[in-house]
């Protein structure tokens, strides 16, 4: 028995020559390389722009939230103090003040306090007094009575506290006032102060107490303007501090207070010489576009206790 043997052709692969290897490993042309670099640069620039805009938006949102919070907080502090200005406690004793027997016929009687002018029981008391410290910055002081149970100064009584969180203290009355003795009152003063280190203008609470002489309330104040409402029958007037001081009634005839607060944020974009057309300052002028956020808030508060003084 014979077996047929078949042979399969065997092909041997020859090694590629140097020219063939270069042809197989050919890279990009110069045009392709330039296109790739250009696309890469565009993607990088887009990523950098996105990161920058995200950072600017984040800073703007944080700054806007800070301005909103500080403005609301300042207005709440001012509202709390102004609405209490001139408030007095009820007098539980039936003994009339100053020997006036007619007061026995009244259903209630209020305890007397000297006010900011050191007024006696028969004089009209000044509970709000202001002045202009600079063209854009005013100052306002208000007080209300909180007689303590004892004689110790800074004795907390009920909810009566000034803008620094203190109770009634011995308030030094003006020289030559009647009564001469110091009056136990709650006194608050709001004014601006420029920080020597940061150079920013802060709104501070100033009290007669040396322990908490001044406490900052808000920073970056561009304007703090206060005007005063006087209602004489059918005529209402809005006066500046200088106009009130020069009037015949003086500070004893104030019925309401208008407060304008202008706070700025940090610089977030390049400044421009064109003024902002959407925001007006407290004086009603266009605010320059200085690259900062601006918030201007106005509010009017009524002196609730002015009629009883």
C-alpha atoms as a PDB file:
ATOM      1  CA  UNK A   1       0.000   0.000   0.000  1.00  0.00           C
ATOM      2  CA  UNK A   2       1.477   3.114  -1.023  1.00  0.00           C
ATOM      3  CA  UNK A   3       0.794   6.526   0.484  1.00  0.00           C
ATOM      4  CA  UNK A   4       0.754   9.583  -1.697  1.00  0.00           C
ATOM      5  CA  UNK A   5       2.671  12.443  -0.257  1.00  0.00           C
ATOM      6  CA  UNK A   6       1.677  16.009  -1.210  1.00  0.00           C
ATOM      7  CA  UNK A   7       3.926  18.893  -0.668  1.00  0.00           C
ATOM      8  CA  UNK A   8       2.599  22.378   0.283  1.00  0.00           C
ATOM      9  CA  UNK A   9       4.472  25.342  -1.108  1.00  0.00           C
ATOM     10  CA  UNK A  10       6.301  27.215   1.664  1.00  0.00           C
ATOM     11  CA  UNK A  11       6.586  31.004   1.312  1.00  0.00           C
ATOM     12  CA  UNK A  12       9.328  32.790   3.153  1.00  0.00           C
ATOM     13  CA  UNK A  13       8.674  36.469   4.221  1.00  0.00           C
ATOM     14  CA  UNK A  14      11.487  38.669   3.234  1.00  0.00           C
ATOM     15  CA  UNK A  15      12.457  41.514   5.620  1.00  0.00           C
ATOM     16  CA  UNK A  16      11.215  44.953   4.525  1.00  0.00           C
ATOM     17  CA  UNK A  17      13.729  47.257   3.135  1.00  0.00           C
ATOM     18  CA  UNK A  18      14.549  50.674   4.776  1.00  0.00           C
ATOM     19  CA  UNK A  19      12.498  52.567   2.211  1.00  0.00           C
ATOM     20  CA  UNK A  20       9.506  50.312   2.788  1.00  0.00           C
ATOM     21  CA  UNK A  21       9.723  50.859   6.564  1.00  0.00           C
ATOM     22  CA  UNK A  22       9.796  54.657   6.143  1.00  0.00           C
ATOM     23  CA  UNK A  23       6.767  54.458   3.853  1.00  0.00           C
ATOM     24  CA  UNK A  24       4.832  52.447   6.435  1.00  0.00           C
ATOM     25  CA  UNK A  25       5.756  54.796   9.361  1.00  0.00           C
ATOM     26  CA  UNK A  26       5.032  58.075   7.610  1.00  0.00           C
ATOM     27  CA  UNK A  27       3.750  60.862  10.123  1.00  0.00           C
ATOM     28  CA  UNK A  28       1.584  63.943   9.627  1.00  0.00           C
ATOM     29  CA  UNK A  29       2.217  66.639   7.166  1.00  0.00           C
ATOM     30  CA  UNK A  30       2.989  70.203   8.262  1.00  0.00           C
ATOM     31  CA  UNK A  31      -0.552  71.299   7.445  1.00  0.00           C
ATOM     32  CA  UNK A  32      -2.037  68.538   9.590  1.00  0.00           C
ATOM     33  CA  UNK A  33       0.303  69.433  12.449  1.00  0.00           C
ATOM     34  CA  UNK A  34      -0.674  73.113  12.304  1.00  0.00           C
ATOM     35  CA  UNK A  35      -4.373  72.227  12.272  1.00  0.00           C
ATOM     36  CA  UNK A  36      -3.936  70.003  15.322  1.00  0.00           C
ATOM     37  CA  UNK A  37      -2.025  72.678  17.239  1.00  0.00           C
ATOM     38  CA  UNK A  38      -4.667  75.267  16.365  1.00  0.00           C
ATOM     39  CA  UNK A  39      -7.511  73.046  17.551  1.00  0.00           C
ATOM     40  CA  UNK A  40      -5.637  72.310  20.786  1.00  0.00           C
ATOM     41  CA  UNK A  41      -5.055  76.011  21.438  1.00  0.00           C
ATOM     42  CA  UNK A  42      -8.720  76.805  20.835  1.00  0.00           C
ATOM     43  CA  UNK A  43      -9.808  74.124  23.281  1.00  0.00           C
ATOM     44  CA  UNK A  44      -7.310  75.394  25.876  1.00  0.00           C
ATOM     45  CA  UNK A  45      -8.437  78.999  25.470  1.00  0.00           C
ATOM     46  CA  UNK A  46     -12.084  77.960  25.782  1.00  0.00           C
ATOM     47  CA  UNK A  47     -11.308  76.062  28.990  1.00  0.00           C
ATOM     48  CA  UNK A  48      -9.389  79.028  30.454  1.00  0.00           C
ATOM     49  CA  UNK A  49     -12.219  81.407  29.543  1.00  0.00           C
ATOM     50  CA  UNK A  50     -14.775  79.122  31.148  1.00  0.00           C
ATOM     51  CA  UNK A  51     -12.757  78.904  34.369  1.00  0.00           C
ATOM     52  CA  UNK A  52     -12.288  82.686  34.451  1.00  0.00           C
ATOM     53  CA  UNK A  53     -15.961  83.429  33.850  1.00  0.00           C
ATOM     54  CA  UNK A  54     -16.931  80.902  36.518  1.00  0.00           C
ATOM     55  CA  UNK A  55     -14.605  82.595  38.996  1.00  0.00           C
ATOM     56  CA  UNK A  56     -15.942  86.065  38.133  1.00  0.00           C
ATOM     57  CA  UNK A  57     -19.535  84.865  38.457  1.00  0.00           C
ATOM     58  CA  UNK A  58     -18.771  83.247  41.794  1.00  0.00           C
ATOM     59  CA  UNK A  59     -17.113  86.403  43.141  1.00  0.00           C
ATOM     60  CA  UNK A  60     -20.020  88.509  41.879  1.00  0.00           C
ATOM     61  CA  UNK A  61     -22.608  86.254  43.519  1.00  0.00           C
ATOM     62  CA  UNK A  62     -20.745  86.244  46.834  1.00  0.00           C
ATOM     63  CA  UNK A  63     -20.314  90.029  46.704  1.00  0.00           C
ATOM     64  CA  UNK A  64     -23.972  90.541  45.819  1.00  0.00           C
ATOM     65  CA  UNK A  65     -25.076  88.328  48.712  1.00  0.00           C
ATOM     66  CA  UNK A  66     -22.811  90.237  51.097  1.00  0.00           C
ATOM     67  CA  UNK A  67     -24.223  93.583  49.992  1.00  0.00           C
ATOM     68  CA  UNK A  68     -27.767  92.270  50.418  1.00  0.00           C
ATOM     69  CA  UNK A  69     -27.076  90.917  53.902  1.00  0.00           C
ATOM     70  CA  UNK A  70     -25.232  94.004  55.143  1.00  0.00           C
ATOM     71  CA  UNK A  71     -27.887  96.361  53.788  1.00  0.00           C
ATOM     72  CA  UNK A  72     -30.715  94.420  55.429  1.00  0.00           C
ATOM     73  CA  UNK A  73     -28.809  94.157  58.697  1.00  0.00           C
ATOM     74  CA  UNK A  74     -28.047  97.886  58.829  1.00  0.00           C
ATOM     75  CA  UNK A  75     -31.644  98.813  58.061  1.00  0.00           C
ATOM     76  CA  UNK A  76     -32.888  96.435  60.761  1.00  0.00           C
ATOM     77  CA  UNK A  77     -30.538  97.981  63.341  1.00  0.00           C
ATOM     78  CA  UNK A  78     -31.594 101.492  62.375  1.00  0.00           C
ATOM     79  CA  UNK A  79     -35.277 100.557  62.380  1.00  0.00           C
ATOM     80  CA  UNK A  80     -35.047  98.981  65.831  1.00  0.00           C
ATOM     81  CA  UNK A  81     -33.402 102.050  67.347  1.00  0.00           C
ATOM     82  CA  UNK A  82     -35.455 104.732  65.583  1.00  0.00           C
ATOM     83  CA  UNK A  83     -38.780 103.080  66.308  1.00  0.00           C
ATOM     84  CA  UNK A  84     -37.894 103.001  70.005  1.00  0.00           C
ATOM     85  CA  UNK A  85     -36.628 106.596  70.115  1.00  0.00           C
ATOM     86  CA  UNK A  86     -38.519 108.536  72.756  1.00  0.00           C
ATOM     87  CA  UNK A  87     -40.092 105.456  74.344  1.00  0.00           C
ATOM     88  CA  UNK A  88     -40.670 105.669  78.084  1.00  0.00           C
ATOM     89  CA  UNK A  89     -41.718 103.189  80.736  1.00  0.00           C
ATOM     90  CA  UNK A  90     -45.026 103.438  82.537  1.00  0.00           C
ATOM     91  CA  UNK A  91     -44.841 104.977  85.983  1.00  0.00           C
ATOM     92  CA  UNK A  92     -46.412 102.611  88.504  1.00  0.00           C
ATOM     93  CA  UNK A  93     -46.511 105.239  91.251  1.00  0.00           C
ATOM     94  CA  UNK A  94     -49.495 107.550  91.609  1.00  0.00           C
ATOM     95  CA  UNK A  95     -47.285 110.355  92.843  1.00  0.00           C
ATOM     96  CA  UNK A  96     -47.303 113.078  90.159  1.00  0.00           C
ATOM     97  CA  UNK A  97     -44.001 114.367  88.841  1.00  0.00           C
ATOM     98  CA  UNK A  98     -43.165 117.957  89.671  1.00  0.00           C
ATOM     99  CA  UNK A  99     -46.129 118.245  92.026  1.00  0.00           C
ATOM    100  CA  UNK A 100     -48.636 118.514  89.164  1.00  0.00           C
ATOM    101  CA  UNK A 101     -51.878 117.244  90.678  1.00  0.00           C
ATOM    102  CA  UNK A 102     -53.609 117.169  87.279  1.00  0.00           C
ATOM    103  CA  UNK A 103     -51.530 114.140  86.342  1.00  0.00           C
ATOM    104  CA  UNK A 104     -53.471 112.105  88.882  1.00  0.00           C
ATOM    105  CA  UNK A 105     -56.442 112.316  86.530  1.00  0.00           C
ATOM    106  CA  UNK A 106     -54.528 110.636  83.724  1.00  0.00           C
ATOM    107  CA  UNK A 107     -55.112 106.890  83.266  1.00  0.00           C
ATOM    108  CA  UNK A 108     -51.357 106.275  82.990  1.00  0.00           C
ATOM    109  CA  UNK A 109     -48.203 108.316  83.463  1.00  0.00           C
ATOM    110  CA  UNK A 110     -44.807 107.815  81.874  1.00  0.00           C
ATOM    111  CA  UNK A 111     -41.498 107.983  83.621  1.00  0.00           C
ATOM    112  CA  UNK A 112     -39.497 111.092  82.789  1.00  0.00           C
ATOM    113  CA  UNK A 113     -36.053 111.153  81.245  1.00  0.00           C
ATOM    114  CA  UNK A 114     -33.831 114.003  80.159  1.00  0.00           C
ATOM    115  CA  UNK A 115     -33.413 113.163  76.460  1.00  0.00           C
ATOM    116  CA  UNK A 116     -30.355 114.321  74.548  1.00  0.00           C
ATOM    117  CA  UNK A 117     -30.835 117.954  75.573  1.00  0.00           C
ATOM    118  CA  UNK A 118     -31.164 117.426  79.339  1.00  0.00           C
ATOM    119  CA  UNK A 119     -34.805 118.558  79.382  1.00  0.00           C
ATOM    120  CA  UNK A 120     -36.729 118.738  82.625  1.00  0.00           C
ATOM    121  CA  UNK A 121     -40.125 117.146  83.194  1.00  0.00           C
ATOM    122  CA  UNK A 122     -41.899 120.191  81.766  1.00  0.00           C
ATOM    123  CA  UNK A 123     -39.623 120.679  78.730  1.00  0.00           C
ATOM    124  CA  UNK A 124     -39.831 118.979  75.375  1.00  0.00           C
ATOM    125  CA  UNK A 125     -37.183 116.312  75.033  1.00  0.00           C
ATOM    126  CA  UNK A 126     -34.891 115.761  72.079  1.00  0.00           C
ATOM    127  CA  UNK A 127     -34.747 112.050  71.286  1.00  0.00           C
ATOM    128  CA  UNK A 128     -33.217 112.268  67.798  1.00  0.00           C
ATOM    129  CA  UNK A 129     -30.356 114.505  66.772  1.00  0.00           C
ATOM    130  CA  UNK A 130     -28.134 114.474  63.707  1.00  0.00           C
ATOM    131  CA  UNK A 131     -25.429 116.354  61.888  1.00  0.00           C
ATOM    132  CA  UNK A 132     -23.467 116.258  58.646  1.00  0.00           C
ATOM    133  CA  UNK A 133     -19.862 115.137  59.044  1.00  0.00           C
ATOM    134  CA  UNK A 134     -18.967 115.169  55.320  1.00  0.00           C
ATOM    135  CA  UNK A 135     -20.791 115.710  52.015  1.00  0.00           C
ATOM    136  CA  UNK A 136     -21.670 112.005  51.731  1.00  0.00           C
ATOM    137  CA  UNK A 137     -21.758 111.026  55.385  1.00  0.00           C
ATOM    138  CA  UNK A 138     -24.214 111.980  58.128  1.00  0.00           C
ATOM    139  CA  UNK A 139     -24.498 111.104  61.796  1.00  0.00           C
ATOM    140  CA  UNK A 140     -27.588 110.350  63.853  1.00  0.00           C
ATOM    141  CA  UNK A 141     -28.089 109.838  67.596  1.00  0.00           C
ATOM    142  CA  UNK A 142     -31.266 108.567  69.258  1.00  0.00           C
ATOM    143  CA  UNK A 143     -32.253 107.707  72.798  1.00  0.00           C
ATOM    144  CA  UNK A 144     -35.083 106.251  74.834  1.00  0.00           C
ATOM    145  CA  UNK A 145     -35.681 105.760  78.519  1.00  0.00           C
ATOM    146  CA  UNK A 146     -34.909 102.583  80.372  1.00  0.00           C
ATOM    147  CA  UNK A 147     -34.648 103.365  84.101  1.00  0.00           C
ATOM    148  CA  UNK A 148     -32.865 100.534  85.878  1.00  0.00           C
ATOM    149  CA  UNK A 149     -34.030  98.893  89.070  1.00  0.00           C
ATOM    150  CA  UNK A 150     -30.773  99.875  90.785  1.00  0.00           C
ATOM    151  CA  UNK A 151     -28.191 102.563  90.276  1.00  0.00           C
ATOM    152  CA  UNK A 152     -25.526 100.521  88.482  1.00  0.00           C
ATOM    153  CA  UNK A 153     -24.715 101.661  84.967  1.00  0.00           C
ATOM    154  CA  UNK A 154     -25.230  99.386  81.966  1.00  0.00           C
ATOM    155  CA  UNK A 155     -27.975  97.453  83.775  1.00  0.00           C
ATOM    156  CA  UNK A 156     -30.024  95.427  81.321  1.00  0.00           C
ATOM    157  CA  UNK A 157     -33.753  95.907  81.715  1.00  0.00           C
ATOM    158  CA  UNK A 158     -36.119  93.901  79.567  1.00  0.00           C
ATOM    159  CA  UNK A 159     -35.405  94.153  75.850  1.00  0.00           C
ATOM    160  CA  UNK A 160     -34.034  97.707  75.858  1.00  0.00           C
ATOM    161  CA  UNK A 161     -30.631  97.702  74.147  1.00  0.00           C
ATOM    162  CA  UNK A 162     -28.718 100.159  72.034  1.00  0.00           C
ATOM    163  CA  UNK A 163     -27.067  99.396  68.698  1.00  0.00           C
ATOM    164  CA  UNK A 164     -24.117  97.737  70.496  1.00  0.00           C
ATOM    165  CA  UNK A 165     -26.357  95.458  72.559  1.00  0.00           C
ATOM    166  CA  UNK A 166     -25.990  97.437  75.806  1.00  0.00           C
ATOM    167  CA  UNK A 167     -28.662  98.421  78.274  1.00  0.00           C
ATOM    168  CA  UNK A 168     -29.230 101.757  79.974  1.00  0.00           C
ATOM    169  CA  UNK A 169     -26.141 103.713  81.007  1.00  0.00           C
ATOM    170  CA  UNK A 170     -25.385 107.040  82.641  1.00  0.00           C
ATOM    171  CA  UNK A 171     -25.595 109.415  79.702  1.00  0.00           C
ATOM    172  CA  UNK A 172     -23.597 112.652  80.204  1.00  0.00           C
ATOM    173  CA  UNK A 173     -25.960 115.543  79.657  1.00  0.00           C
ATOM    174  CA  UNK A 174     -24.948 118.874  78.083  1.00  0.00           C
ATOM    175  CA  UNK A 175     -23.309 121.390  80.382  1.00  0.00           C
ATOM    176  CA  UNK A 176     -25.826 123.733  81.985  1.00  0.00           C
ATOM    177  CA  UNK A 177     -28.800 121.507  81.218  1.00  0.00           C
ATOM    178  CA  UNK A 178     -31.681 120.910  83.602  1.00  0.00           C
ATOM    179  CA  UNK A 179     -31.612 118.493  85.332  1.00  0.00           C
ATOM    180  CA  UNK A 180     -27.877 118.730  85.934  1.00  0.00           C
ATOM    181  CA  UNK A 181     -27.566 115.119  87.081  1.00  0.00           C
ATOM    182  CA  UNK A 182     -26.762 112.456  84.532  1.00  0.00           C
ATOM    183  CA  UNK A 183     -29.713 110.627  83.043  1.00  0.00           C
ATOM    184  CA  UNK A 184     -30.029 106.848  82.829  1.00  0.00           C
ATOM    185  CA  UNK A 185     -30.890 106.243  79.177  1.00  0.00           C
ATOM    186  CA  UNK A 186     -30.346 103.961  76.191  1.00  0.00           C
ATOM    187  CA  UNK A 187     -28.284 105.937  73.666  1.00  0.00           C
ATOM    188  CA  UNK A 188     -27.075 104.971  70.176  1.00  0.00           C
ATOM    189  CA  UNK A 189     -25.118 106.912  67.563  1.00  0.00           C
ATOM    190  CA  UNK A 190     -24.559 105.781  63.984  1.00  0.00           C
ATOM    191  CA  UNK A 191     -21.820 107.414  61.927  1.00  0.00           C
ATOM    192  CA  UNK A 192     -19.069 106.518  59.472  1.00  0.00           C
ATOM    193  CA  UNK A 193     -15.378 106.024  60.172  1.00  0.00           C
ATOM    194  CA  UNK A 194     -12.497 105.438  57.755  1.00  0.00           C
ATOM    195  CA  UNK A 195     -10.192 102.547  58.593  1.00  0.00           C
ATOM    196  CA  UNK A 196      -6.548 103.631  58.586  1.00  0.00           C
ATOM    197  CA  UNK A 197      -5.284 100.143  57.715  1.00  0.00           C
ATOM    198  CA  UNK A 198      -7.698  99.086  54.962  1.00  0.00           C
ATOM    199  CA  UNK A 199      -8.721 102.550  53.815  1.00  0.00           C
ATOM    200  CA  UNK A 200     -12.412 101.529  53.718  1.00  0.00           C
ATOM    201  CA  UNK A 201     -15.223 103.589  55.199  1.00  0.00           C
ATOM    202  CA  UNK A 202     -17.219 101.674  57.814  1.00  0.00           C
ATOM    203  CA  UNK A 203     -20.569 102.385  59.420  1.00  0.00           C
ATOM    204  CA  UNK A 204     -20.064 102.139  63.170  1.00  0.00           C
ATOM    205  CA  UNK A 205     -22.225 102.170  66.277  1.00  0.00           C
ATOM    206  CA  UNK A 206     -20.939 104.579  68.923  1.00  0.00           C
ATOM    207  CA  UNK A 207     -22.137 104.529  72.531  1.00  0.00           C
ATOM    208  CA  UNK A 208     -21.232 106.613  75.584  1.00  0.00           C
ATOM    209  CA  UNK A 209     -19.952 103.465  77.281  1.00  0.00           C
ATOM    210  CA  UNK A 210     -16.160 103.161  77.220  1.00  0.00           C
ATOM    211  CA  UNK A 211     -16.361  99.342  77.135  1.00  0.00           C
ATOM    212  CA  UNK A 212     -18.038  99.249  73.740  1.00  0.00           C
ATOM    213  CA  UNK A 213     -17.212 102.730  72.505  1.00  0.00           C
ATOM    214  CA  UNK A 214     -17.526 101.854  68.804  1.00  0.00           C
ATOM    215  CA  UNK A 215     -18.560  98.727  66.975  1.00  0.00           C
ATOM    216  CA  UNK A 216     -18.423  98.327  63.148  1.00  0.00           C
ATOM    217  CA  UNK A 217     -21.715  97.385  61.531  1.00  0.00           C
ATOM    218  CA  UNK A 218     -20.976  97.455  57.792  1.00  0.00           C
ATOM    219  CA  UNK A 219     -17.991  98.148  55.524  1.00  0.00           C
ATOM    220  CA  UNK A 220     -17.392  99.803  52.151  1.00  0.00           C
ATOM    221  CA  UNK A 221     -19.869 102.616  52.773  1.00  0.00           C
ATOM    222  CA  UNK A 222     -20.021 105.110  49.908  1.00  0.00           C
ATOM    223  CA  UNK A 223     -22.891 107.199  51.302  1.00  0.00           C
ATOM    224  CA  UNK A 224     -24.843 107.383  54.544  1.00  0.00           C
ATOM    225  CA  UNK A 225     -27.392 110.174  54.289  1.00  0.00           C
ATOM    226  CA  UNK A 226     -30.159 110.980  56.761  1.00  0.00           C
ATOM    227  CA  UNK A 227     -33.028 113.423  56.241  1.00  0.00           C
ATOM    228  CA  UNK A 228     -35.809 114.350  58.627  1.00  0.00           C
ATOM    229  CA  UNK A 229     -39.570 114.635  58.130  1.00  0.00           C
ATOM    230  CA  UNK A 230     -41.494 117.394  59.851  1.00  0.00           C
ATOM    231  CA  UNK A 231     -45.264 117.544  59.613  1.00  0.00           C
ATOM    232  CA  UNK A 232     -46.783 120.910  60.465  1.00  0.00           C
ATOM    233  CA  UNK A 233     -50.487 120.343  59.995  1.00  0.00           C
ATOM    234  CA  UNK A 234     -51.125 120.091  56.266  1.00  0.00           C
ATOM    235  CA  UNK A 235     -47.518 120.825  55.266  1.00  0.00           C
ATOM    236  CA  UNK A 236     -44.832 118.147  55.338  1.00  0.00           C
ATOM    237  CA  UNK A 237     -41.191 118.966  54.768  1.00  0.00           C
ATOM    238  CA  UNK A 238     -38.077 116.829  54.373  1.00  0.00           C
ATOM    239  CA  UNK A 239     -35.091 118.599  55.894  1.00  0.00           C
ATOM    240  CA  UNK A 240     -31.378 117.989  56.179  1.00  0.00           C
ATOM    241  CA  UNK A 241     -29.619 118.016  59.544  1.00  0.00           C
ATOM    242  CA  UNK A 242     -28.395 121.580  58.982  1.00  0.00           C
ATOM    243  CA  UNK A 243     -31.899 122.759  58.085  1.00  0.00           C
ATOM    244  CA  UNK A 244     -33.396 121.167  61.200  1.00  0.00           C
ATOM    245  CA  UNK A 245     -30.749 122.695  63.454  1.00  0.00           C
ATOM    246  CA  UNK A 246     -31.383 126.148  61.958  1.00  0.00           C
ATOM    247  CA  UNK A 247     -35.179 125.956  62.288  1.00  0.00           C
ATOM    248  CA  UNK A 248     -37.164 127.488  65.150  1.00  0.00           C
ATOM    249  CA  UNK A 249     -38.451 124.119  66.388  1.00  0.00           C
ATOM    250  CA  UNK A 250     -35.059 122.485  66.214  1.00  0.00           C
ATOM    251  CA  UNK A 251     -34.780 118.765  66.928  1.00  0.00           C
ATOM    252  CA  UNK A 252     -37.903 118.633  69.069  1.00  0.00           C
ATOM    253  CA  UNK A 253     -40.295 118.637  66.124  1.00  0.00           C
ATOM    254  CA  UNK A 254     -39.239 115.572  64.104  1.00  0.00           C
ATOM    255  CA  UNK A 255     -41.923 113.098  62.992  1.00  0.00           C
ATOM    256  CA  UNK A 256     -39.995 110.754  60.704  1.00  0.00           C
ATOM    257  CA  UNK A 257     -36.542 109.871  59.409  1.00  0.00           C
ATOM    258  CA  UNK A 258     -35.412 108.962  55.895  1.00  0.00           C
ATOM    259  CA  UNK A 259     -32.225 106.880  55.671  1.00  0.00           C
ATOM    260  CA  UNK A 260     -30.255 106.282  52.469  1.00  0.00           C
ATOM    261  CA  UNK A 261     -27.416 103.756  52.510  1.00  0.00           C
ATOM    262  CA  UNK A 262     -25.003 103.239  49.604  1.00  0.00           C
ATOM    263  CA  UNK A 263     -22.700 100.206  49.897  1.00  0.00           C
ATOM    264  CA  UNK A 264     -20.098  99.092  47.344  1.00  0.00           C
ATOM    265  CA  UNK A 265     -18.574  95.686  46.700  1.00  0.00           C
ATOM    266  CA  UNK A 266     -15.158  94.580  45.536  1.00  0.00           C
ATOM    267  CA  UNK A 267     -13.925  95.347  42.007  1.00  0.00           C
ATOM    268  CA  UNK A 268     -14.952  92.519  39.675  1.00  0.00           C
ATOM    269  CA  UNK A 269     -14.372  94.001  36.228  1.00  0.00           C
ATOM    270  CA  UNK A 270     -12.539  96.778  34.466  1.00  0.00           C
ATOM    271  CA  UNK A 271     -13.678 100.286  35.245  1.00  0.00           C
ATOM    272  CA  UNK A 272     -15.350 102.442  32.624  1.00  0.00           C
ATOM    273  CA  UNK A 273     -15.670 106.178  32.241  1.00  0.00           C
ATOM    274  CA  UNK A 274     -19.351 105.838  31.352  1.00  0.00           C
ATOM    275  CA  UNK A 275     -21.673 106.309  34.357  1.00  0.00           C
ATOM    276  CA  UNK A 276     -24.179 103.651  35.328  1.00  0.00           C
ATOM    277  CA  UNK A 277     -27.654 104.476  34.068  1.00  0.00           C
ATOM    278  CA  UNK A 278     -29.555 101.982  36.224  1.00  0.00           C
ATOM    279  CA  UNK A 279     -28.455 103.047  39.727  1.00  0.00           C
ATOM    280  CA  UNK A 280     -28.617 106.506  41.268  1.00  0.00           C
ATOM    281  CA  UNK A 281     -26.702 107.654  44.327  1.00  0.00           C
ATOM    282  CA  UNK A 282     -28.350 108.980  47.489  1.00  0.00           C
ATOM    283  CA  UNK A 283     -28.041 112.457  45.980  1.00  0.00           C
ATOM    284  CA  UNK A 284     -29.754 111.278  42.795  1.00  0.00           C
ATOM    285  CA  UNK A 285     -26.632 111.371  40.622  1.00  0.00           C
ATOM    286  CA  UNK A 286     -25.556 108.571  38.229  1.00  0.00           C
ATOM    287  CA  UNK A 287     -23.028 106.252  39.846  1.00  0.00           C
ATOM    288  CA  UNK A 288     -19.727 105.920  37.917  1.00  0.00           C
ATOM    289  CA  UNK A 289     -19.101 102.514  36.400  1.00  0.00           C
ATOM    290  CA  UNK A 290     -16.025 101.684  38.488  1.00  0.00           C
ATOM    291  CA  UNK A 291     -16.181  97.913  38.107  1.00  0.00           C
ATOM    292  CA  UNK A 292     -17.788  97.412  41.533  1.00  0.00           C
ATOM    293  CA  UNK A 293     -21.220  96.278  42.596  1.00  0.00           C
ATOM    294  CA  UNK A 294     -23.342  99.056  44.102  1.00  0.00           C
ATOM    295  CA  UNK A 295     -26.424  98.789  46.264  1.00  0.00           C
ATOM    296  CA  UNK A 296     -28.458 101.840  47.272  1.00  0.00           C
ATOM    297  CA  UNK A 297     -31.238 101.316  49.806  1.00  0.00           C
ATOM    298  CA  UNK A 298     -33.713 103.907  51.096  1.00  0.00           C
ATOM    299  CA  UNK A 299     -36.202 103.612  53.902  1.00  0.00           C
ATOM    300  CA  UNK A 300     -38.460 105.935  55.875  1.00  0.00           C
ATOM    301  CA  UNK A 301     -39.107 105.364  59.587  1.00  0.00           C
ATOM    302  CA  UNK A 302     -41.753 107.002  61.718  1.00  0.00           C
ATOM    303  CA  UNK A 303     -40.970 108.316  65.191  1.00  0.00           C
ATOM    304  CA  UNK A 304     -43.742 106.518  67.003  1.00  0.00           C
ATOM    305  CA  UNK A 305     -43.255 108.210  70.365  1.00  0.00           C
ATOM    306  CA  UNK A 306     -42.750 111.820  69.282  1.00  0.00           C
ATOM    307  CA  UNK A 307     -46.333 112.802  70.124  1.00  0.00           C
ATOM    308  CA  UNK A 308     -45.953 111.841  73.796  1.00  0.00           C
ATOM    309  CA  UNK A 309     -42.890 114.009  74.460  1.00  0.00           C
END
